[in-house]
Amino acid sequence: MTNLGAGEIIYDLRKKIQEIQSDLSQLGEPIVELPELISSANLLRTNEYLAKTNVKKTELLSAYGAYSKALEELLLSVFDIQKDLKEILKEQSSLISNSAKKQSKPKTKTRKK
């Protein structure tokens, strides 16, 4: 996941999460029992609604799981990059300090009298 496509994967997962949330909100509120229907019909309608919302919520949990895993992998690669950059900075600092030490050593010249 340390490739450049990580942002695309996270974007796609976030888009999928938004679509599922939209689908879930389109299902609306639980169905209100209608007094003119018998109780078994009301129970069937309620059961159908609950089954649909359960499927969408399961999809949503799955999408959030994939999304969080992708974010974790992205963070790991960011931390790896940060560690590499620290090492590079340390290396460059030591090169600069070594270079400065070499330049500051006085050259001893013997004068002829």
PDB file of N, CA and C in Angstrom:
ATOM      1  N   MET A   1       0.825  -1.193   0.000  1.00  0.00           N
ATOM      2  CA  MET A   1       0.000   0.000   0.000  1.00  0.00           C
ATOM      3  C   MET A   1       0.866   1.252   0.000  1.00  0.00           C
ATOM      4  N   THR A   2       2.169   1.078  -0.007  1.00  0.00           N
ATOM      5  CA  THR A   2       3.034   2.249   0.021  1.00  0.00           C
ATOM      6  C   THR A   2       3.175   2.906  -1.336  1.00  0.00           C
ATOM      7  N   ASN A   3       2.397   2.461  -2.304  1.00  0.00           N
ATOM      8  CA  ASN A   3       2.467   3.088  -3.618  1.00  0.00           C
ATOM      9  C   ASN A   3       1.616   4.348  -3.659  1.00  0.00           C
ATOM     10  N   LEU A   4       1.612   4.993  -4.794  1.00  0.00           N
ATOM     11  CA  LEU A   4       0.897   6.252  -4.928  1.00  0.00           C
ATOM     12  C   LEU A   4      -0.610   6.073  -5.006  1.00  0.00           C
ATOM     13  N   GLY A   5      -1.117   4.860  -5.190  1.00  0.00           N
ATOM     14  CA  GLY A   5      -2.539   4.607  -5.307  1.00  0.00           C
ATOM     15  C   GLY A   5      -3.268   4.582  -3.976  1.00  0.00           C
ATOM     16  N   ALA A   6      -2.556   4.750  -2.877  1.00  0.00           N
ATOM     17  CA  ALA A   6      -3.178   4.696  -1.552  1.00  0.00           C
ATOM     18  C   ALA A   6      -4.240   5.768  -1.396  1.00  0.00           C
ATOM     19  N   GLY A   7      -3.983   6.944  -1.898  1.00  0.00           N
ATOM     20  CA  GLY A   7      -4.965   8.023  -1.813  1.00  0.00           C
ATOM     21  C   GLY A   7      -6.221   7.698  -2.589  1.00  0.00           C
ATOM     22  N   GLU A   8      -6.056   7.056  -3.741  1.00  0.00           N
ATOM     23  CA  GLU A   8      -7.212   6.660  -4.544  1.00  0.00           C
ATOM     24  C   GLU A   8      -8.043   5.615  -3.818  1.00  0.00           C
ATOM     25  N   ILE A   9      -7.388   4.650  -3.198  1.00  0.00           N
ATOM     26  CA  ILE A   9      -8.092   3.598  -2.468  1.00  0.00           C
ATOM     27  C   ILE A   9      -8.903   4.212  -1.335  1.00  0.00           C
ATOM     28  N   ILE A  10      -8.288   5.106  -0.591  1.00  0.00           N
ATOM     29  CA  ILE A  10      -8.988   5.746   0.529  1.00  0.00           C
ATOM     30  C   ILE A  10     -10.142   6.589   0.020  1.00  0.00           C
ATOM     31  N   TYR A  11      -9.936   7.295  -1.081  1.00  0.00           N
ATOM     32  CA  TYR A  11     -11.008   8.097  -1.660  1.00  0.00           C
ATOM     33  C   TYR A  11     -12.176   7.210  -2.090  1.00  0.00           C
ATOM     34  N   ASP A  12     -11.861   6.089  -2.763  1.00  0.00           N
ATOM     35  CA  ASP A  12     -12.912   5.177  -3.215  1.00  0.00           C
ATOM     36  C   ASP A  12     -13.678   4.579  -2.036  1.00  0.00           C
ATOM     37  N   LEU A  13     -12.952   4.208  -0.982  1.00  0.00           N
ATOM     38  CA  LEU A  13     -13.622   3.655   0.192  1.00  0.00           C
ATOM     39  C   LEU A  13     -14.508   4.695   0.861  1.00  0.00           C
ATOM     40  N   ARG A  14     -14.032   5.916   0.946  1.00  0.00           N
ATOM     41  CA  ARG A  14     -14.829   6.980   1.553  1.00  0.00           C
ATOM     42  C   ARG A  14     -16.093   7.230   0.721  1.00  0.00           C
ATOM     43  N   LYS A  15     -15.954   7.180  -0.595  1.00  0.00           N
ATOM     44  CA  LYS A  15     -17.096   7.353  -1.489  1.00  0.00           C
ATOM     45  C   LYS A  15     -18.106   6.223  -1.283  1.00  0.00           C
ATOM     46  N   LYS A  16     -17.611   4.987  -1.144  1.00  0.00           N
ATOM     47  CA  LYS A  16     -18.486   3.842  -0.908  1.00  0.00           C
ATOM     48  C   LYS A  16     -19.230   3.997   0.415  1.00  0.00           C
ATOM     49  N   ILE A  17     -18.527   4.472   1.448  1.00  0.00           N
ATOM     50  CA  ILE A  17     -19.158   4.699   2.752  1.00  0.00           C
ATOM     51  C   ILE A  17     -20.279   5.719   2.618  1.00  0.00           C
ATOM     52  N   GLN A  18     -20.033   6.791   1.892  1.00  0.00           N
ATOM     53  CA  GLN A  18     -21.059   7.813   1.707  1.00  0.00           C
ATOM     54  C   GLN A  18     -22.265   7.263   0.948  1.00  0.00           C
ATOM     55  N   GLU A  19     -22.023   6.417  -0.055  1.00  0.00           N
ATOM     56  CA  GLU A  19     -23.122   5.813  -0.805  1.00  0.00           C
ATOM     57  C   GLU A  19     -23.972   4.906   0.087  1.00  0.00           C
ATOM     58  N   ILE A  20     -23.314   4.100   0.911  1.00  0.00           N
ATOM     59  CA  ILE A  20     -24.046   3.201   1.807  1.00  0.00           C
ATOM     60  C   ILE A  20     -24.846   4.008   2.822  1.00  0.00           C
ATOM     61  N   GLN A  21     -24.241   5.062   3.363  1.00  0.00           N
ATOM     62  CA  GLN A  21     -24.960   5.915   4.304  1.00  0.00           C
ATOM     63  C   GLN A  21     -26.172   6.552   3.636  1.00  0.00           C
ATOM     64  N   SER A  22     -26.023   6.939   2.388  1.00  0.00           N
ATOM     65  CA  SER A  22     -27.144   7.512   1.633  1.00  0.00           C
ATOM     66  C   SER A  22     -28.239   6.471   1.433  1.00  0.00           C
ATOM     67  N   ASP A  23     -27.849   5.247   1.053  1.00  0.00           N
ATOM     68  CA  ASP A  23     -28.826   4.176   0.890  1.00  0.00           C
ATOM     69  C   ASP A  23     -29.572   3.907   2.192  1.00  0.00           C
ATOM     70  N   LEU A  24     -28.831   3.912   3.280  1.00  0.00           N
ATOM     71  CA  LEU A  24     -29.430   3.658   4.594  1.00  0.00           C
ATOM     72  C   LEU A  24     -30.409   4.759   4.968  1.00  0.00           C
ATOM     73  N   SER A  25     -30.041   5.992   4.686  1.00  0.00           N
ATOM     74  CA  SER A  25     -30.954   7.091   5.026  1.00  0.00           C
ATOM     75  C   SER A  25     -32.187   7.094   4.122  1.00  0.00           C
ATOM     76  N   GLN A  26     -32.056   6.586   2.898  1.00  0.00           N
ATOM     77  CA  GLN A  26     -33.207   6.501   1.996  1.00  0.00           C
ATOM     78  C   GLN A  26     -34.232   5.475   2.475  1.00  0.00           C
ATOM     79  N   LEU A  27     -33.779   4.509   3.255  1.00  0.00           N
ATOM     80  CA  LEU A  27     -34.725   3.546   3.813  1.00  0.00           C
ATOM     81  C   LEU A  27     -35.669   4.212   4.805  1.00  0.00           C
ATOM     82  N   GLY A  28     -35.242   5.332   5.323  1.00  0.00           N
ATOM     83  CA  GLY A  28     -36.103   6.110   6.216  1.00  0.00           C
ATOM     84  C   GLY A  28     -36.205   5.514   7.607  1.00  0.00           C
ATOM     85  N   GLU A  29     -37.252   5.905   8.273  1.00  0.00           N
ATOM     86  CA  GLU A  29     -37.499   5.457   9.638  1.00  0.00           C
ATOM     87  C   GLU A  29     -38.220   4.106   9.618  1.00  0.00           C
ATOM     88  N   PRO A  30     -38.208   3.416  10.743  1.00  0.00           N
ATOM     89  CA  PRO A  30     -38.943   2.149  10.803  1.00  0.00           C
ATOM     90  C   PRO A  30     -40.420   2.365  10.446  1.00  0.00           C
ATOM     91  N   ILE A  31     -40.970   1.350   9.855  1.00  0.00           N
ATOM     92  CA  ILE A  31     -42.356   1.442   9.411  1.00  0.00           C
ATOM     93  C   ILE A  31     -43.287   1.433  10.616  1.00  0.00           C
ATOM     94  N   VAL A  32     -44.210   2.391  10.594  1.00  0.00           N
ATOM     95  CA  VAL A  32     -45.182   2.509  11.672  1.00  0.00           C
ATOM     96  C   VAL A  32     -46.294   1.494  11.430  1.00  0.00           C
ATOM     97  N   GLU A  33     -46.699   0.870  12.493  1.00  0.00           N
ATOM     98  CA  GLU A  33     -47.786  -0.098  12.357  1.00  0.00           C
ATOM     99  C   GLU A  33     -49.069   0.601  11.929  1.00  0.00           C
ATOM    100  N   LEU A  34     -49.734   0.000  10.980  1.00  0.00           N
ATOM    101  CA  LEU A  34     -51.003   0.533  10.509  1.00  0.00           C
ATOM    102  C   LEU A  34     -52.129  -0.248  11.188  1.00  0.00           C
ATOM    103  N   PRO A  35     -53.029   0.462  11.837  1.00  0.00           N
ATOM    104  CA  PRO A  35     -54.086  -0.238  12.587  1.00  0.00           C
ATOM    105  C   PRO A  35     -55.010  -1.067  11.701  1.00  0.00           C
ATOM    106  N   GLU A  36     -55.127  -0.699  10.438  1.00  0.00           N
ATOM    107  CA  GLU A  36     -56.046  -1.440   9.580  1.00  0.00           C
ATOM    108  C   GLU A  36     -55.488  -2.793   9.139  1.00  0.00           C
ATOM    109  N   LEU A  37     -54.155  -3.011   9.323  1.00  0.00           N
ATOM    110  CA  LEU A  37     -53.557  -4.288   8.973  1.00  0.00           C
ATOM    111  C   LEU A  37     -53.505  -5.185  10.198  1.00  0.00           C
ATOM    112  N   ILE A  38     -53.512  -6.463   9.943  1.00  0.00           N
ATOM    113  CA  ILE A  38     -53.398  -7.376  11.069  1.00  0.00           C
ATOM    114  C   ILE A  38     -51.965  -7.369  11.576  1.00  0.00           C
ATOM    115  N   SER A  39     -51.798  -7.793  12.782  1.00  0.00           N
ATOM    116  CA  SER A  39     -50.482  -7.696  13.415  1.00  0.00           C
ATOM    117  C   SER A  39     -49.420  -8.488  12.660  1.00  0.00           C
ATOM    118  N   SER A  40     -49.764  -9.605  12.054  1.00  0.00           N
ATOM    119  CA  SER A  40     -48.755 -10.382  11.332  1.00  0.00           C
ATOM    120  C   SER A  40     -48.263  -9.625  10.104  1.00  0.00           C
ATOM    121  N   ALA A  41     -49.126  -8.859   9.443  1.00  0.00           N
ATOM    122  CA  ALA A  41     -48.703  -8.052   8.301  1.00  0.00           C
ATOM    123  C   ALA A  41     -47.778  -6.939   8.762  1.00  0.00           C
ATOM    124  N   ASN A  42     -48.104  -6.322   9.882  1.00  0.00           N
ATOM    125  CA  ASN A  42     -47.230  -5.281  10.438  1.00  0.00           C
ATOM    126  C   ASN A  42     -45.871  -5.856  10.812  1.00  0.00           C
ATOM    127  N   LEU A  43     -45.883  -7.069  11.381  1.00  0.00           N
ATOM    128  CA  LEU A  43     -44.618  -7.709  11.743  1.00  0.00           C
ATOM    129  C   LEU A  43     -43.789  -8.041  10.505  1.00  0.00           C
ATOM    130  N   LEU A  44     -44.447  -8.464   9.447  1.00  0.00           N
ATOM    131  CA  LEU A  44     -43.731  -8.757   8.197  1.00  0.00           C
ATOM    132  C   LEU A  44     -43.097  -7.494   7.617  1.00  0.00           C
ATOM    133  N   ARG A  45     -43.828  -6.408   7.636  1.00  0.00           N
ATOM    134  CA  ARG A  45     -43.299  -5.135   7.129  1.00  0.00           C
ATOM    135  C   ARG A  45     -42.113  -4.670   7.974  1.00  0.00           C
ATOM    136  N   THR A  46     -42.246  -4.796   9.270  1.00  0.00           N
ATOM    137  CA  THR A  46     -41.156  -4.410  10.171  1.00  0.00           C
ATOM    138  C   THR A  46     -39.941  -5.306   9.953  1.00  0.00           C
ATOM    139  N   ASN A  47     -40.178  -6.592   9.807  1.00  0.00           N
ATOM    140  CA  ASN A  47     -39.093  -7.533   9.582  1.00  0.00           C
ATOM    141  C   ASN A  47     -38.363  -7.220   8.276  1.00  0.00           C
ATOM    142  N   GLU A  48     -39.105  -6.902   7.227  1.00  0.00           N
ATOM    143  CA  GLU A  48     -38.499  -6.552   5.942  1.00  0.00           C
ATOM    144  C   GLU A  48     -37.628  -5.307   6.074  1.00  0.00           C
ATOM    145  N   TYR A  49     -38.136  -4.321   6.784  1.00  0.00           N
ATOM    146  CA  TYR A  49     -37.370  -3.089   6.996  1.00  0.00           C
ATOM    147  C   TYR A  49     -36.088  -3.392   7.776  1.00  0.00           C
ATOM    148  N   LEU A  50     -36.222  -4.158   8.853  1.00  0.00           N
ATOM    149  CA  LEU A  50     -35.053  -4.485   9.668  1.00  0.00           C
ATOM    150  C   LEU A  50     -34.027  -5.305   8.886  1.00  0.00           C
ATOM    151  N   ALA A  51     -34.481  -6.184   8.035  1.00  0.00           N
ATOM    152  CA  ALA A  51     -33.563  -6.980   7.216  1.00  0.00           C
ATOM    153  C   ALA A  51     -32.784  -6.078   6.261  1.00  0.00           C
ATOM    154  N   LYS A  52     -33.470  -5.128   5.629  1.00  0.00           N
ATOM    155  CA  LYS A  52     -32.798  -4.208   4.704  1.00  0.00           C
ATOM    156  C   LYS A  52     -31.784  -3.337   5.433  1.00  0.00           C
ATOM    157  N   THR A  53     -32.187  -2.785   6.579  1.00  0.00           N
ATOM    158  CA  THR A  53     -31.244  -1.928   7.321  1.00  0.00           C
ATOM    159  C   THR A  53     -30.070  -2.742   7.848  1.00  0.00           C
ATOM    160  N   ASN A  54     -30.325  -3.988   8.235  1.00  0.00           N
ATOM    161  CA  ASN A  54     -29.242  -4.827   8.725  1.00  0.00           C
ATOM    162  C   ASN A  54     -28.210  -5.088   7.631  1.00  0.00           C
ATOM    163  N   VAL A  55     -28.666  -5.344   6.412  1.00  0.00           N
ATOM    164  CA  VAL A  55     -27.753  -5.570   5.289  1.00  0.00           C
ATOM    165  C   VAL A  55     -26.913  -4.315   5.044  1.00  0.00           C
ATOM    166  N   LYS A  56     -27.553  -3.156   5.027  1.00  0.00           N
ATOM    167  CA  LYS A  56     -26.829  -1.900   4.782  1.00  0.00           C
ATOM    168  C   LYS A  56     -25.848  -1.600   5.902  1.00  0.00           C
ATOM    169  N   LYS A  57     -26.243  -1.858   7.140  1.00  0.00           N
ATOM    170  CA  LYS A  57     -25.338  -1.597   8.258  1.00  0.00           C
ATOM    171  C   LYS A  57     -24.142  -2.545   8.229  1.00  0.00           C
ATOM    172  N   THR A  58     -24.372  -3.775   7.797  1.00  0.00           N
ATOM    173  CA  THR A  58     -23.270  -4.726   7.656  1.00  0.00           C
ATOM    174  C   THR A  58     -22.306  -4.257   6.572  1.00  0.00           C
ATOM    175  N   GLU A  59     -22.847  -3.799   5.448  1.00  0.00           N
ATOM    176  CA  GLU A  59     -22.012  -3.244   4.378  1.00  0.00           C
ATOM    177  C   GLU A  59     -21.217  -2.043   4.877  1.00  0.00           C
ATOM    178  N   LEU A  60     -21.888  -1.200   5.665  1.00  0.00           N
ATOM    179  CA  LEU A  60     -21.240  -0.004   6.198  1.00  0.00           C
ATOM    180  C   LEU A  60     -20.090  -0.377   7.128  1.00  0.00           C
ATOM    181  N   LEU A  61     -20.325  -1.350   8.002  1.00  0.00           N
ATOM    182  CA  LEU A  61     -19.253  -1.796   8.901  1.00  0.00           C
ATOM    183  C   LEU A  61     -18.077  -2.372   8.115  1.00  0.00           C
ATOM    184  N   SER A  62     -18.377  -3.124   7.086  1.00  0.00           N
ATOM    185  CA  SER A  62     -17.322  -3.691   6.253  1.00  0.00           C
ATOM    186  C   SER A  62     -16.524  -2.590   5.558  1.00  0.00           C
ATOM    187  N   ALA A  63     -17.243  -1.602   5.024  1.00  0.00           N
ATOM    188  CA  ALA A  63     -16.564  -0.491   4.337  1.00  0.00           C
ATOM    189  C   ALA A  63     -15.706   0.305   5.318  1.00  0.00           C
ATOM    190  N   TYR A  64     -16.226   0.565   6.523  1.00  0.00           N
ATOM    191  CA  TYR A  64     -15.429   1.274   7.518  1.00  0.00           C
ATOM    192  C   TYR A  64     -14.207   0.459   7.928  1.00  0.00           C
ATOM    193  N   GLY A  65     -14.353  -0.857   8.006  1.00  0.00           N
ATOM    194  CA  GLY A  65     -13.208  -1.713   8.329  1.00  0.00           C
ATOM    195  C   GLY A  65     -12.116  -1.600   7.275  1.00  0.00           C
ATOM    196  N   ALA A  66     -12.514  -1.675   6.013  1.00  0.00           N
ATOM    197  CA  ALA A  66     -11.535  -1.547   4.920  1.00  0.00           C
ATOM    198  C   ALA A  66     -10.926  -0.152   4.905  1.00  0.00           C
ATOM    199  N   TYR A  67     -11.741   0.858   5.163  1.00  0.00           N
ATOM    200  CA  TYR A  67     -11.283   2.248   5.183  1.00  0.00           C
ATOM    201  C   TYR A  67     -10.254   2.464   6.288  1.00  0.00           C
ATOM    202  N   SER A  68     -10.555   1.962   7.483  1.00  0.00           N
ATOM    203  CA  SER A  68      -9.607   2.153   8.592  1.00  0.00           C
ATOM    204  C   SER A  68      -8.318   1.369   8.351  1.00  0.00           C
ATOM    205  N   LYS A  69      -8.428   0.186   7.741  1.00  0.00           N
ATOM    206  CA  LYS A  69      -7.207  -0.590   7.430  1.00  0.00           C
ATOM    207  C   LYS A  69      -6.353   0.167   6.414  1.00  0.00           C
ATOM    208  N   ALA A  70      -6.989   0.752   5.400  1.00  0.00           N
ATOM    209  CA  ALA A  70      -6.247   1.523   4.395  1.00  0.00           C
ATOM    210  C   ALA A  70      -5.584   2.735   5.037  1.00  0.00           C
ATOM    211  N   LEU A  71      -6.292   3.388   5.958  1.00  0.00           N
ATOM    212  CA  LEU A  71      -5.708   4.541   6.652  1.00  0.00           C
ATOM    213  C   LEU A  71      -4.527   4.115   7.526  1.00  0.00           C
ATOM    214  N   GLU A  72      -4.646   2.983   8.195  1.00  0.00           N
ATOM    215  CA  GLU A  72      -3.540   2.480   9.017  1.00  0.00           C
ATOM    216  C   GLU A  72      -2.309   2.209   8.160  1.00  0.00           C
ATOM    217  N   GLU A  73      -2.523   1.575   7.009  1.00  0.00           N
ATOM    218  CA  GLU A  73      -1.401   1.289   6.119  1.00  0.00           C
ATOM    219  C   GLU A  73      -0.775   2.571   5.590  1.00  0.00           C
ATOM    220  N   LEU A  74      -1.616   3.548   5.302  1.00  0.00           N
ATOM    221  CA  LEU A  74      -1.100   4.835   4.842  1.00  0.00           C
ATOM    222  C   LEU A  74      -0.286   5.503   5.945  1.00  0.00           C
ATOM    223  N   LEU A  75      -0.777   5.450   7.171  1.00  0.00           N
ATOM    224  CA  LEU A  75      -0.034   6.025   8.295  1.00  0.00           C
ATOM    225  C   LEU A  75       1.299   5.312   8.503  1.00  0.00           C
ATOM    226  N   LEU A  76       1.296   3.999   8.359  1.00  0.00           N
ATOM    227  CA  LEU A  76       2.558   3.262   8.502  1.00  0.00           C
ATOM    228  C   LEU A  76       3.572   3.714   7.462  1.00  0.00           C
ATOM    229  N   SER A  77       3.110   3.916   6.247  1.00  0.00           N
ATOM    230  CA  SER A  77       4.056   4.369   5.216  1.00  0.00           C
ATOM    231  C   SER A  77       4.510   5.796   5.495  1.00  0.00           C
ATOM    232  N   VAL A  78       3.634   6.632   6.041  1.00  0.00           N
ATOM    233  CA  VAL A  78       4.029   7.996   6.411  1.00  0.00           C
ATOM    234  C   VAL A  78       5.085   7.951   7.516  1.00  0.00           C
ATOM    235  N   PHE A  79       4.884   7.077   8.511  1.00  0.00           N
ATOM    236  CA  PHE A  79       5.863   6.956   9.584  1.00  0.00           C
ATOM    237  C   PHE A  79       7.193   6.407   9.073  1.00  0.00           C
ATOM    238  N   ASP A  80       7.135   5.480   8.120  1.00  0.00           N
ATOM    239  CA  ASP A  80       8.373   4.973   7.511  1.00  0.00           C
ATOM    240  C   ASP A  80       9.116   6.085   6.783  1.00  0.00           C
ATOM    241  N   ILE A  81       8.374   6.895   6.061  1.00  0.00           N
ATOM    242  CA  ILE A  81       8.976   8.027   5.349  1.00  0.00           C
ATOM    243  C   ILE A  81       9.580   9.006   6.343  1.00  0.00           C
ATOM    244  N   GLN A  82       8.847   9.270   7.428  1.00  0.00           N
ATOM    245  CA  GLN A  82       9.342  10.182   8.461  1.00  0.00           C
ATOM    246  C   GLN A  82      10.643   9.652   9.069  1.00  0.00           C
ATOM    247  N   LYS A  83      10.689   8.355   9.333  1.00  0.00           N
ATOM    248  CA  LYS A  83      11.904   7.742   9.892  1.00  0.00           C
ATOM    249  C   LYS A  83      13.061   7.879   8.906  1.00  0.00           C
ATOM    250  N   ASP A  84      12.795   7.600   7.631  1.00  0.00           N
ATOM    251  CA  ASP A  84      13.838   7.728   6.604  1.00  0.00           C
ATOM    252  C   ASP A  84      14.343   9.172   6.508  1.00  0.00           C
ATOM    253  N   LEU A  85      13.423  10.123   6.579  1.00  0.00           N
ATOM    254  CA  LEU A  85      13.819  11.537   6.511  1.00  0.00           C
ATOM    255  C   LEU A  85      14.679  11.930   7.707  1.00  0.00           C
ATOM    256  N   LYS A  86      14.351  11.423   8.890  1.00  0.00           N
ATOM    257  CA  LYS A  86      15.167  11.706  10.073  1.00  0.00           C
ATOM    258  C   LYS A  86      16.580  11.175   9.894  1.00  0.00           C
ATOM    259  N   GLU A  87      16.677   9.957   9.348  1.00  0.00           N
ATOM    260  CA  GLU A  87      17.994   9.361   9.111  1.00  0.00           C
ATOM    261  C   GLU A  87      18.790  10.179   8.093  1.00  0.00           C
ATOM    262  N   ILE A  88      18.113  10.633   7.057  1.00  0.00           N
ATOM    263  CA  ILE A  88      18.776  11.461   6.044  1.00  0.00           C
ATOM    264  C   ILE A  88      19.270  12.762   6.667  1.00  0.00           C
ATOM    265  N   LEU A  89      18.433  13.380   7.508  1.00  0.00           N
ATOM    266  CA  LEU A  89      18.832  14.629   8.167  1.00  0.00           C
ATOM    267  C   LEU A  89      20.028  14.414   9.087  1.00  0.00           C
ATOM    268  N   LYS A  90      20.024  13.311   9.820  1.00  0.00           N
ATOM    269  CA  LYS A  90      21.163  13.010  10.691  1.00  0.00           C
ATOM    270  C   LYS A  90      22.443  12.840   9.866  1.00  0.00           C
ATOM    271  N   GLU A  91      22.300  12.128   8.769  1.00  0.00           N
ATOM    272  CA  GLU A  91      23.445  11.888   7.894  1.00  0.00           C
ATOM    273  C   GLU A  91      23.976  13.201   7.327  1.00  0.00           C
ATOM    274  N   GLN A  92      23.061  14.045   6.851  1.00  0.00           N
ATOM    275  CA  GLN A  92      23.469  15.329   6.291  1.00  0.00           C
ATOM    276  C   GLN A  92      24.092  16.225   7.362  1.00  0.00           C
ATOM    277  N   SER A  93      23.547  16.186   8.553  1.00  0.00           N
ATOM    278  CA  SER A  93      24.113  16.990   9.645  1.00  0.00           C
ATOM    279  C   SER A  93      25.534  16.555   9.960  1.00  0.00           C
ATOM    280  N   SER A  94      25.751  15.242   9.982  1.00  0.00           N
ATOM    281  CA  SER A  94      27.106  14.771  10.272  1.00  0.00           C
ATOM    282  C   SER A  94      28.061  15.122   9.141  1.00  0.00           C
ATOM    283  N   LEU A  95      27.581  15.084   7.905  1.00  0.00           N
ATOM    284  CA  LEU A  95      28.430  15.478   6.778  1.00  0.00           C
ATOM    285  C   LEU A  95      28.781  16.961   6.854  1.00  0.00           C
ATOM    286  N   ILE A  96      27.808  17.773   7.219  1.00  0.00           N
ATOM    287  CA  ILE A  96      28.047  19.218   7.336  1.00  0.00           C
ATOM    288  C   ILE A  96      29.028  19.500   8.467  1.00  0.00           C
ATOM    289  N   SER A  97      28.848  18.836   9.608  1.00  0.00           N
ATOM    290  CA  SER A  97      29.756  19.073  10.726  1.00  0.00           C
ATOM    291  C   SER A  97      31.159  18.562  10.417  1.00  0.00           C
ATOM    292  N   ASN A  98      31.280  17.454   9.729  1.00  0.00           N
ATOM    293  CA  ASN A  98      32.606  16.953   9.328  1.00  0.00           C
ATOM    294  C   ASN A  98      33.262  17.911   8.346  1.00  0.00           C
ATOM    295  N   SER A  99      32.479  18.441   7.440  1.00  0.00           N
ATOM    296  CA  SER A  99      32.999  19.387   6.465  1.00  0.00           C
ATOM    297  C   SER A  99      33.457  20.671   7.155  1.00  0.00           C
ATOM    298  N   ALA A 100      32.698  21.110   8.149  1.00  0.00           N
ATOM    299  CA  ALA A 100      33.056  22.328   8.882  1.00  0.00           C
ATOM    300  C   ALA A 100      34.328  22.104   9.702  1.00  0.00           C
ATOM    301  N   LYS A 101      34.494  20.933  10.260  1.00  0.00           N
ATOM    302  CA  LYS A 101      35.701  20.632  11.041  1.00  0.00           C
ATOM    303  C   LYS A 101      36.938  20.636  10.158  1.00  0.00           C
ATOM    304  N   LYS A 102      36.810  20.085   8.974  1.00  0.00           N
ATOM    305  CA  LYS A 102      37.950  20.049   8.063  1.00  0.00           C
ATOM    306  C   LYS A 102      38.357  21.457   7.635  1.00  0.00           C
ATOM    307  N   GLN A 103      37.405  22.316   7.442  1.00  0.00           N
ATOM    308  CA  GLN A 103      37.700  23.678   7.007  1.00  0.00           C
ATOM    309  C   GLN A 103      38.255  24.531   8.150  1.00  0.00           C
ATOM    310  N   SER A 104      37.876  24.240   9.373  1.00  0.00           N
ATOM    311  CA  SER A 104      38.319  25.075  10.483  1.00  0.00           C
ATOM    312  C   SER A 104      39.700  24.701  11.017  1.00  0.00           C
ATOM    313  N   LYS A 105      40.267  23.590  10.611  1.00  0.00           N
ATOM    314  CA  LYS A 105      41.608  23.239  11.070  1.00  0.00           C
ATOM    315  C   LYS A 105      42.607  24.221  10.485  1.00  0.00           C
ATOM    316  N   PRO A 106      43.399  24.845  11.349  1.00  0.00           N
ATOM    317  CA  PRO A 106      44.381  25.798  10.821  1.00  0.00           C
ATOM    318  C   PRO A 106      45.510  25.054  10.118  1.00  0.00           C
ATOM    319  N   LYS A 107      45.910  25.617   9.031  1.00  0.00           N
ATOM    320  CA  LYS A 107      47.024  25.047   8.285  1.00  0.00           C
ATOM    321  C   LYS A 107      48.314  25.588   8.880  1.00  0.00           C
ATOM    322  N   THR A 108      49.193  24.720   9.153  1.00  0.00           N
ATOM    323  CA  THR A 108      50.474  25.137   9.723  1.00  0.00           C
ATOM    324  C   THR A 108      51.473  25.348   8.604  1.00  0.00           C
ATOM    325  N   LYS A 109      51.942  26.554   8.544  1.00  0.00           N
ATOM    326  CA  LYS A 109      52.928  26.904   7.524  1.00  0.00           C
ATOM    327  C   LYS A 109      54.222  27.245   8.239  1.00  0.00           C
ATOM    328  N   THR A 110      55.239  26.807   7.709  1.00  0.00           N
ATOM    329  CA  THR A 110      56.534  27.165   8.265  1.00  0.00           C
ATOM    330  C   THR A 110      57.076  28.343   7.464  1.00  0.00           C
ATOM    331  N   ARG A 111      57.424  29.350   8.181  1.00  0.00           N
ATOM    332  CA  ARG A 111      57.956  30.541   7.536  1.00  0.00           C
ATOM    333  C   ARG A 111      59.464  30.432   7.398  1.00  0.00           C
ATOM    334  N   LYS A 112      59.916  30.897   6.327  1.00  0.00           N
ATOM    335  CA  LYS A 112      61.351  30.933   6.118  1.00  0.00           C
ATOM    336  C   LYS A 112      61.852  32.277   6.555  1.00  0.00           C
ATOM    337  N   LYS A 113      62.883  32.250   7.331  1.00  0.00           N
ATOM    338  CA  LYS A 113      63.478  33.509   7.780  1.00  0.00           C
ATOM    339  C   LYS A 113      64.786  33.781   7.166  1.00  0.00           C
TER     340      LYS A 113
END
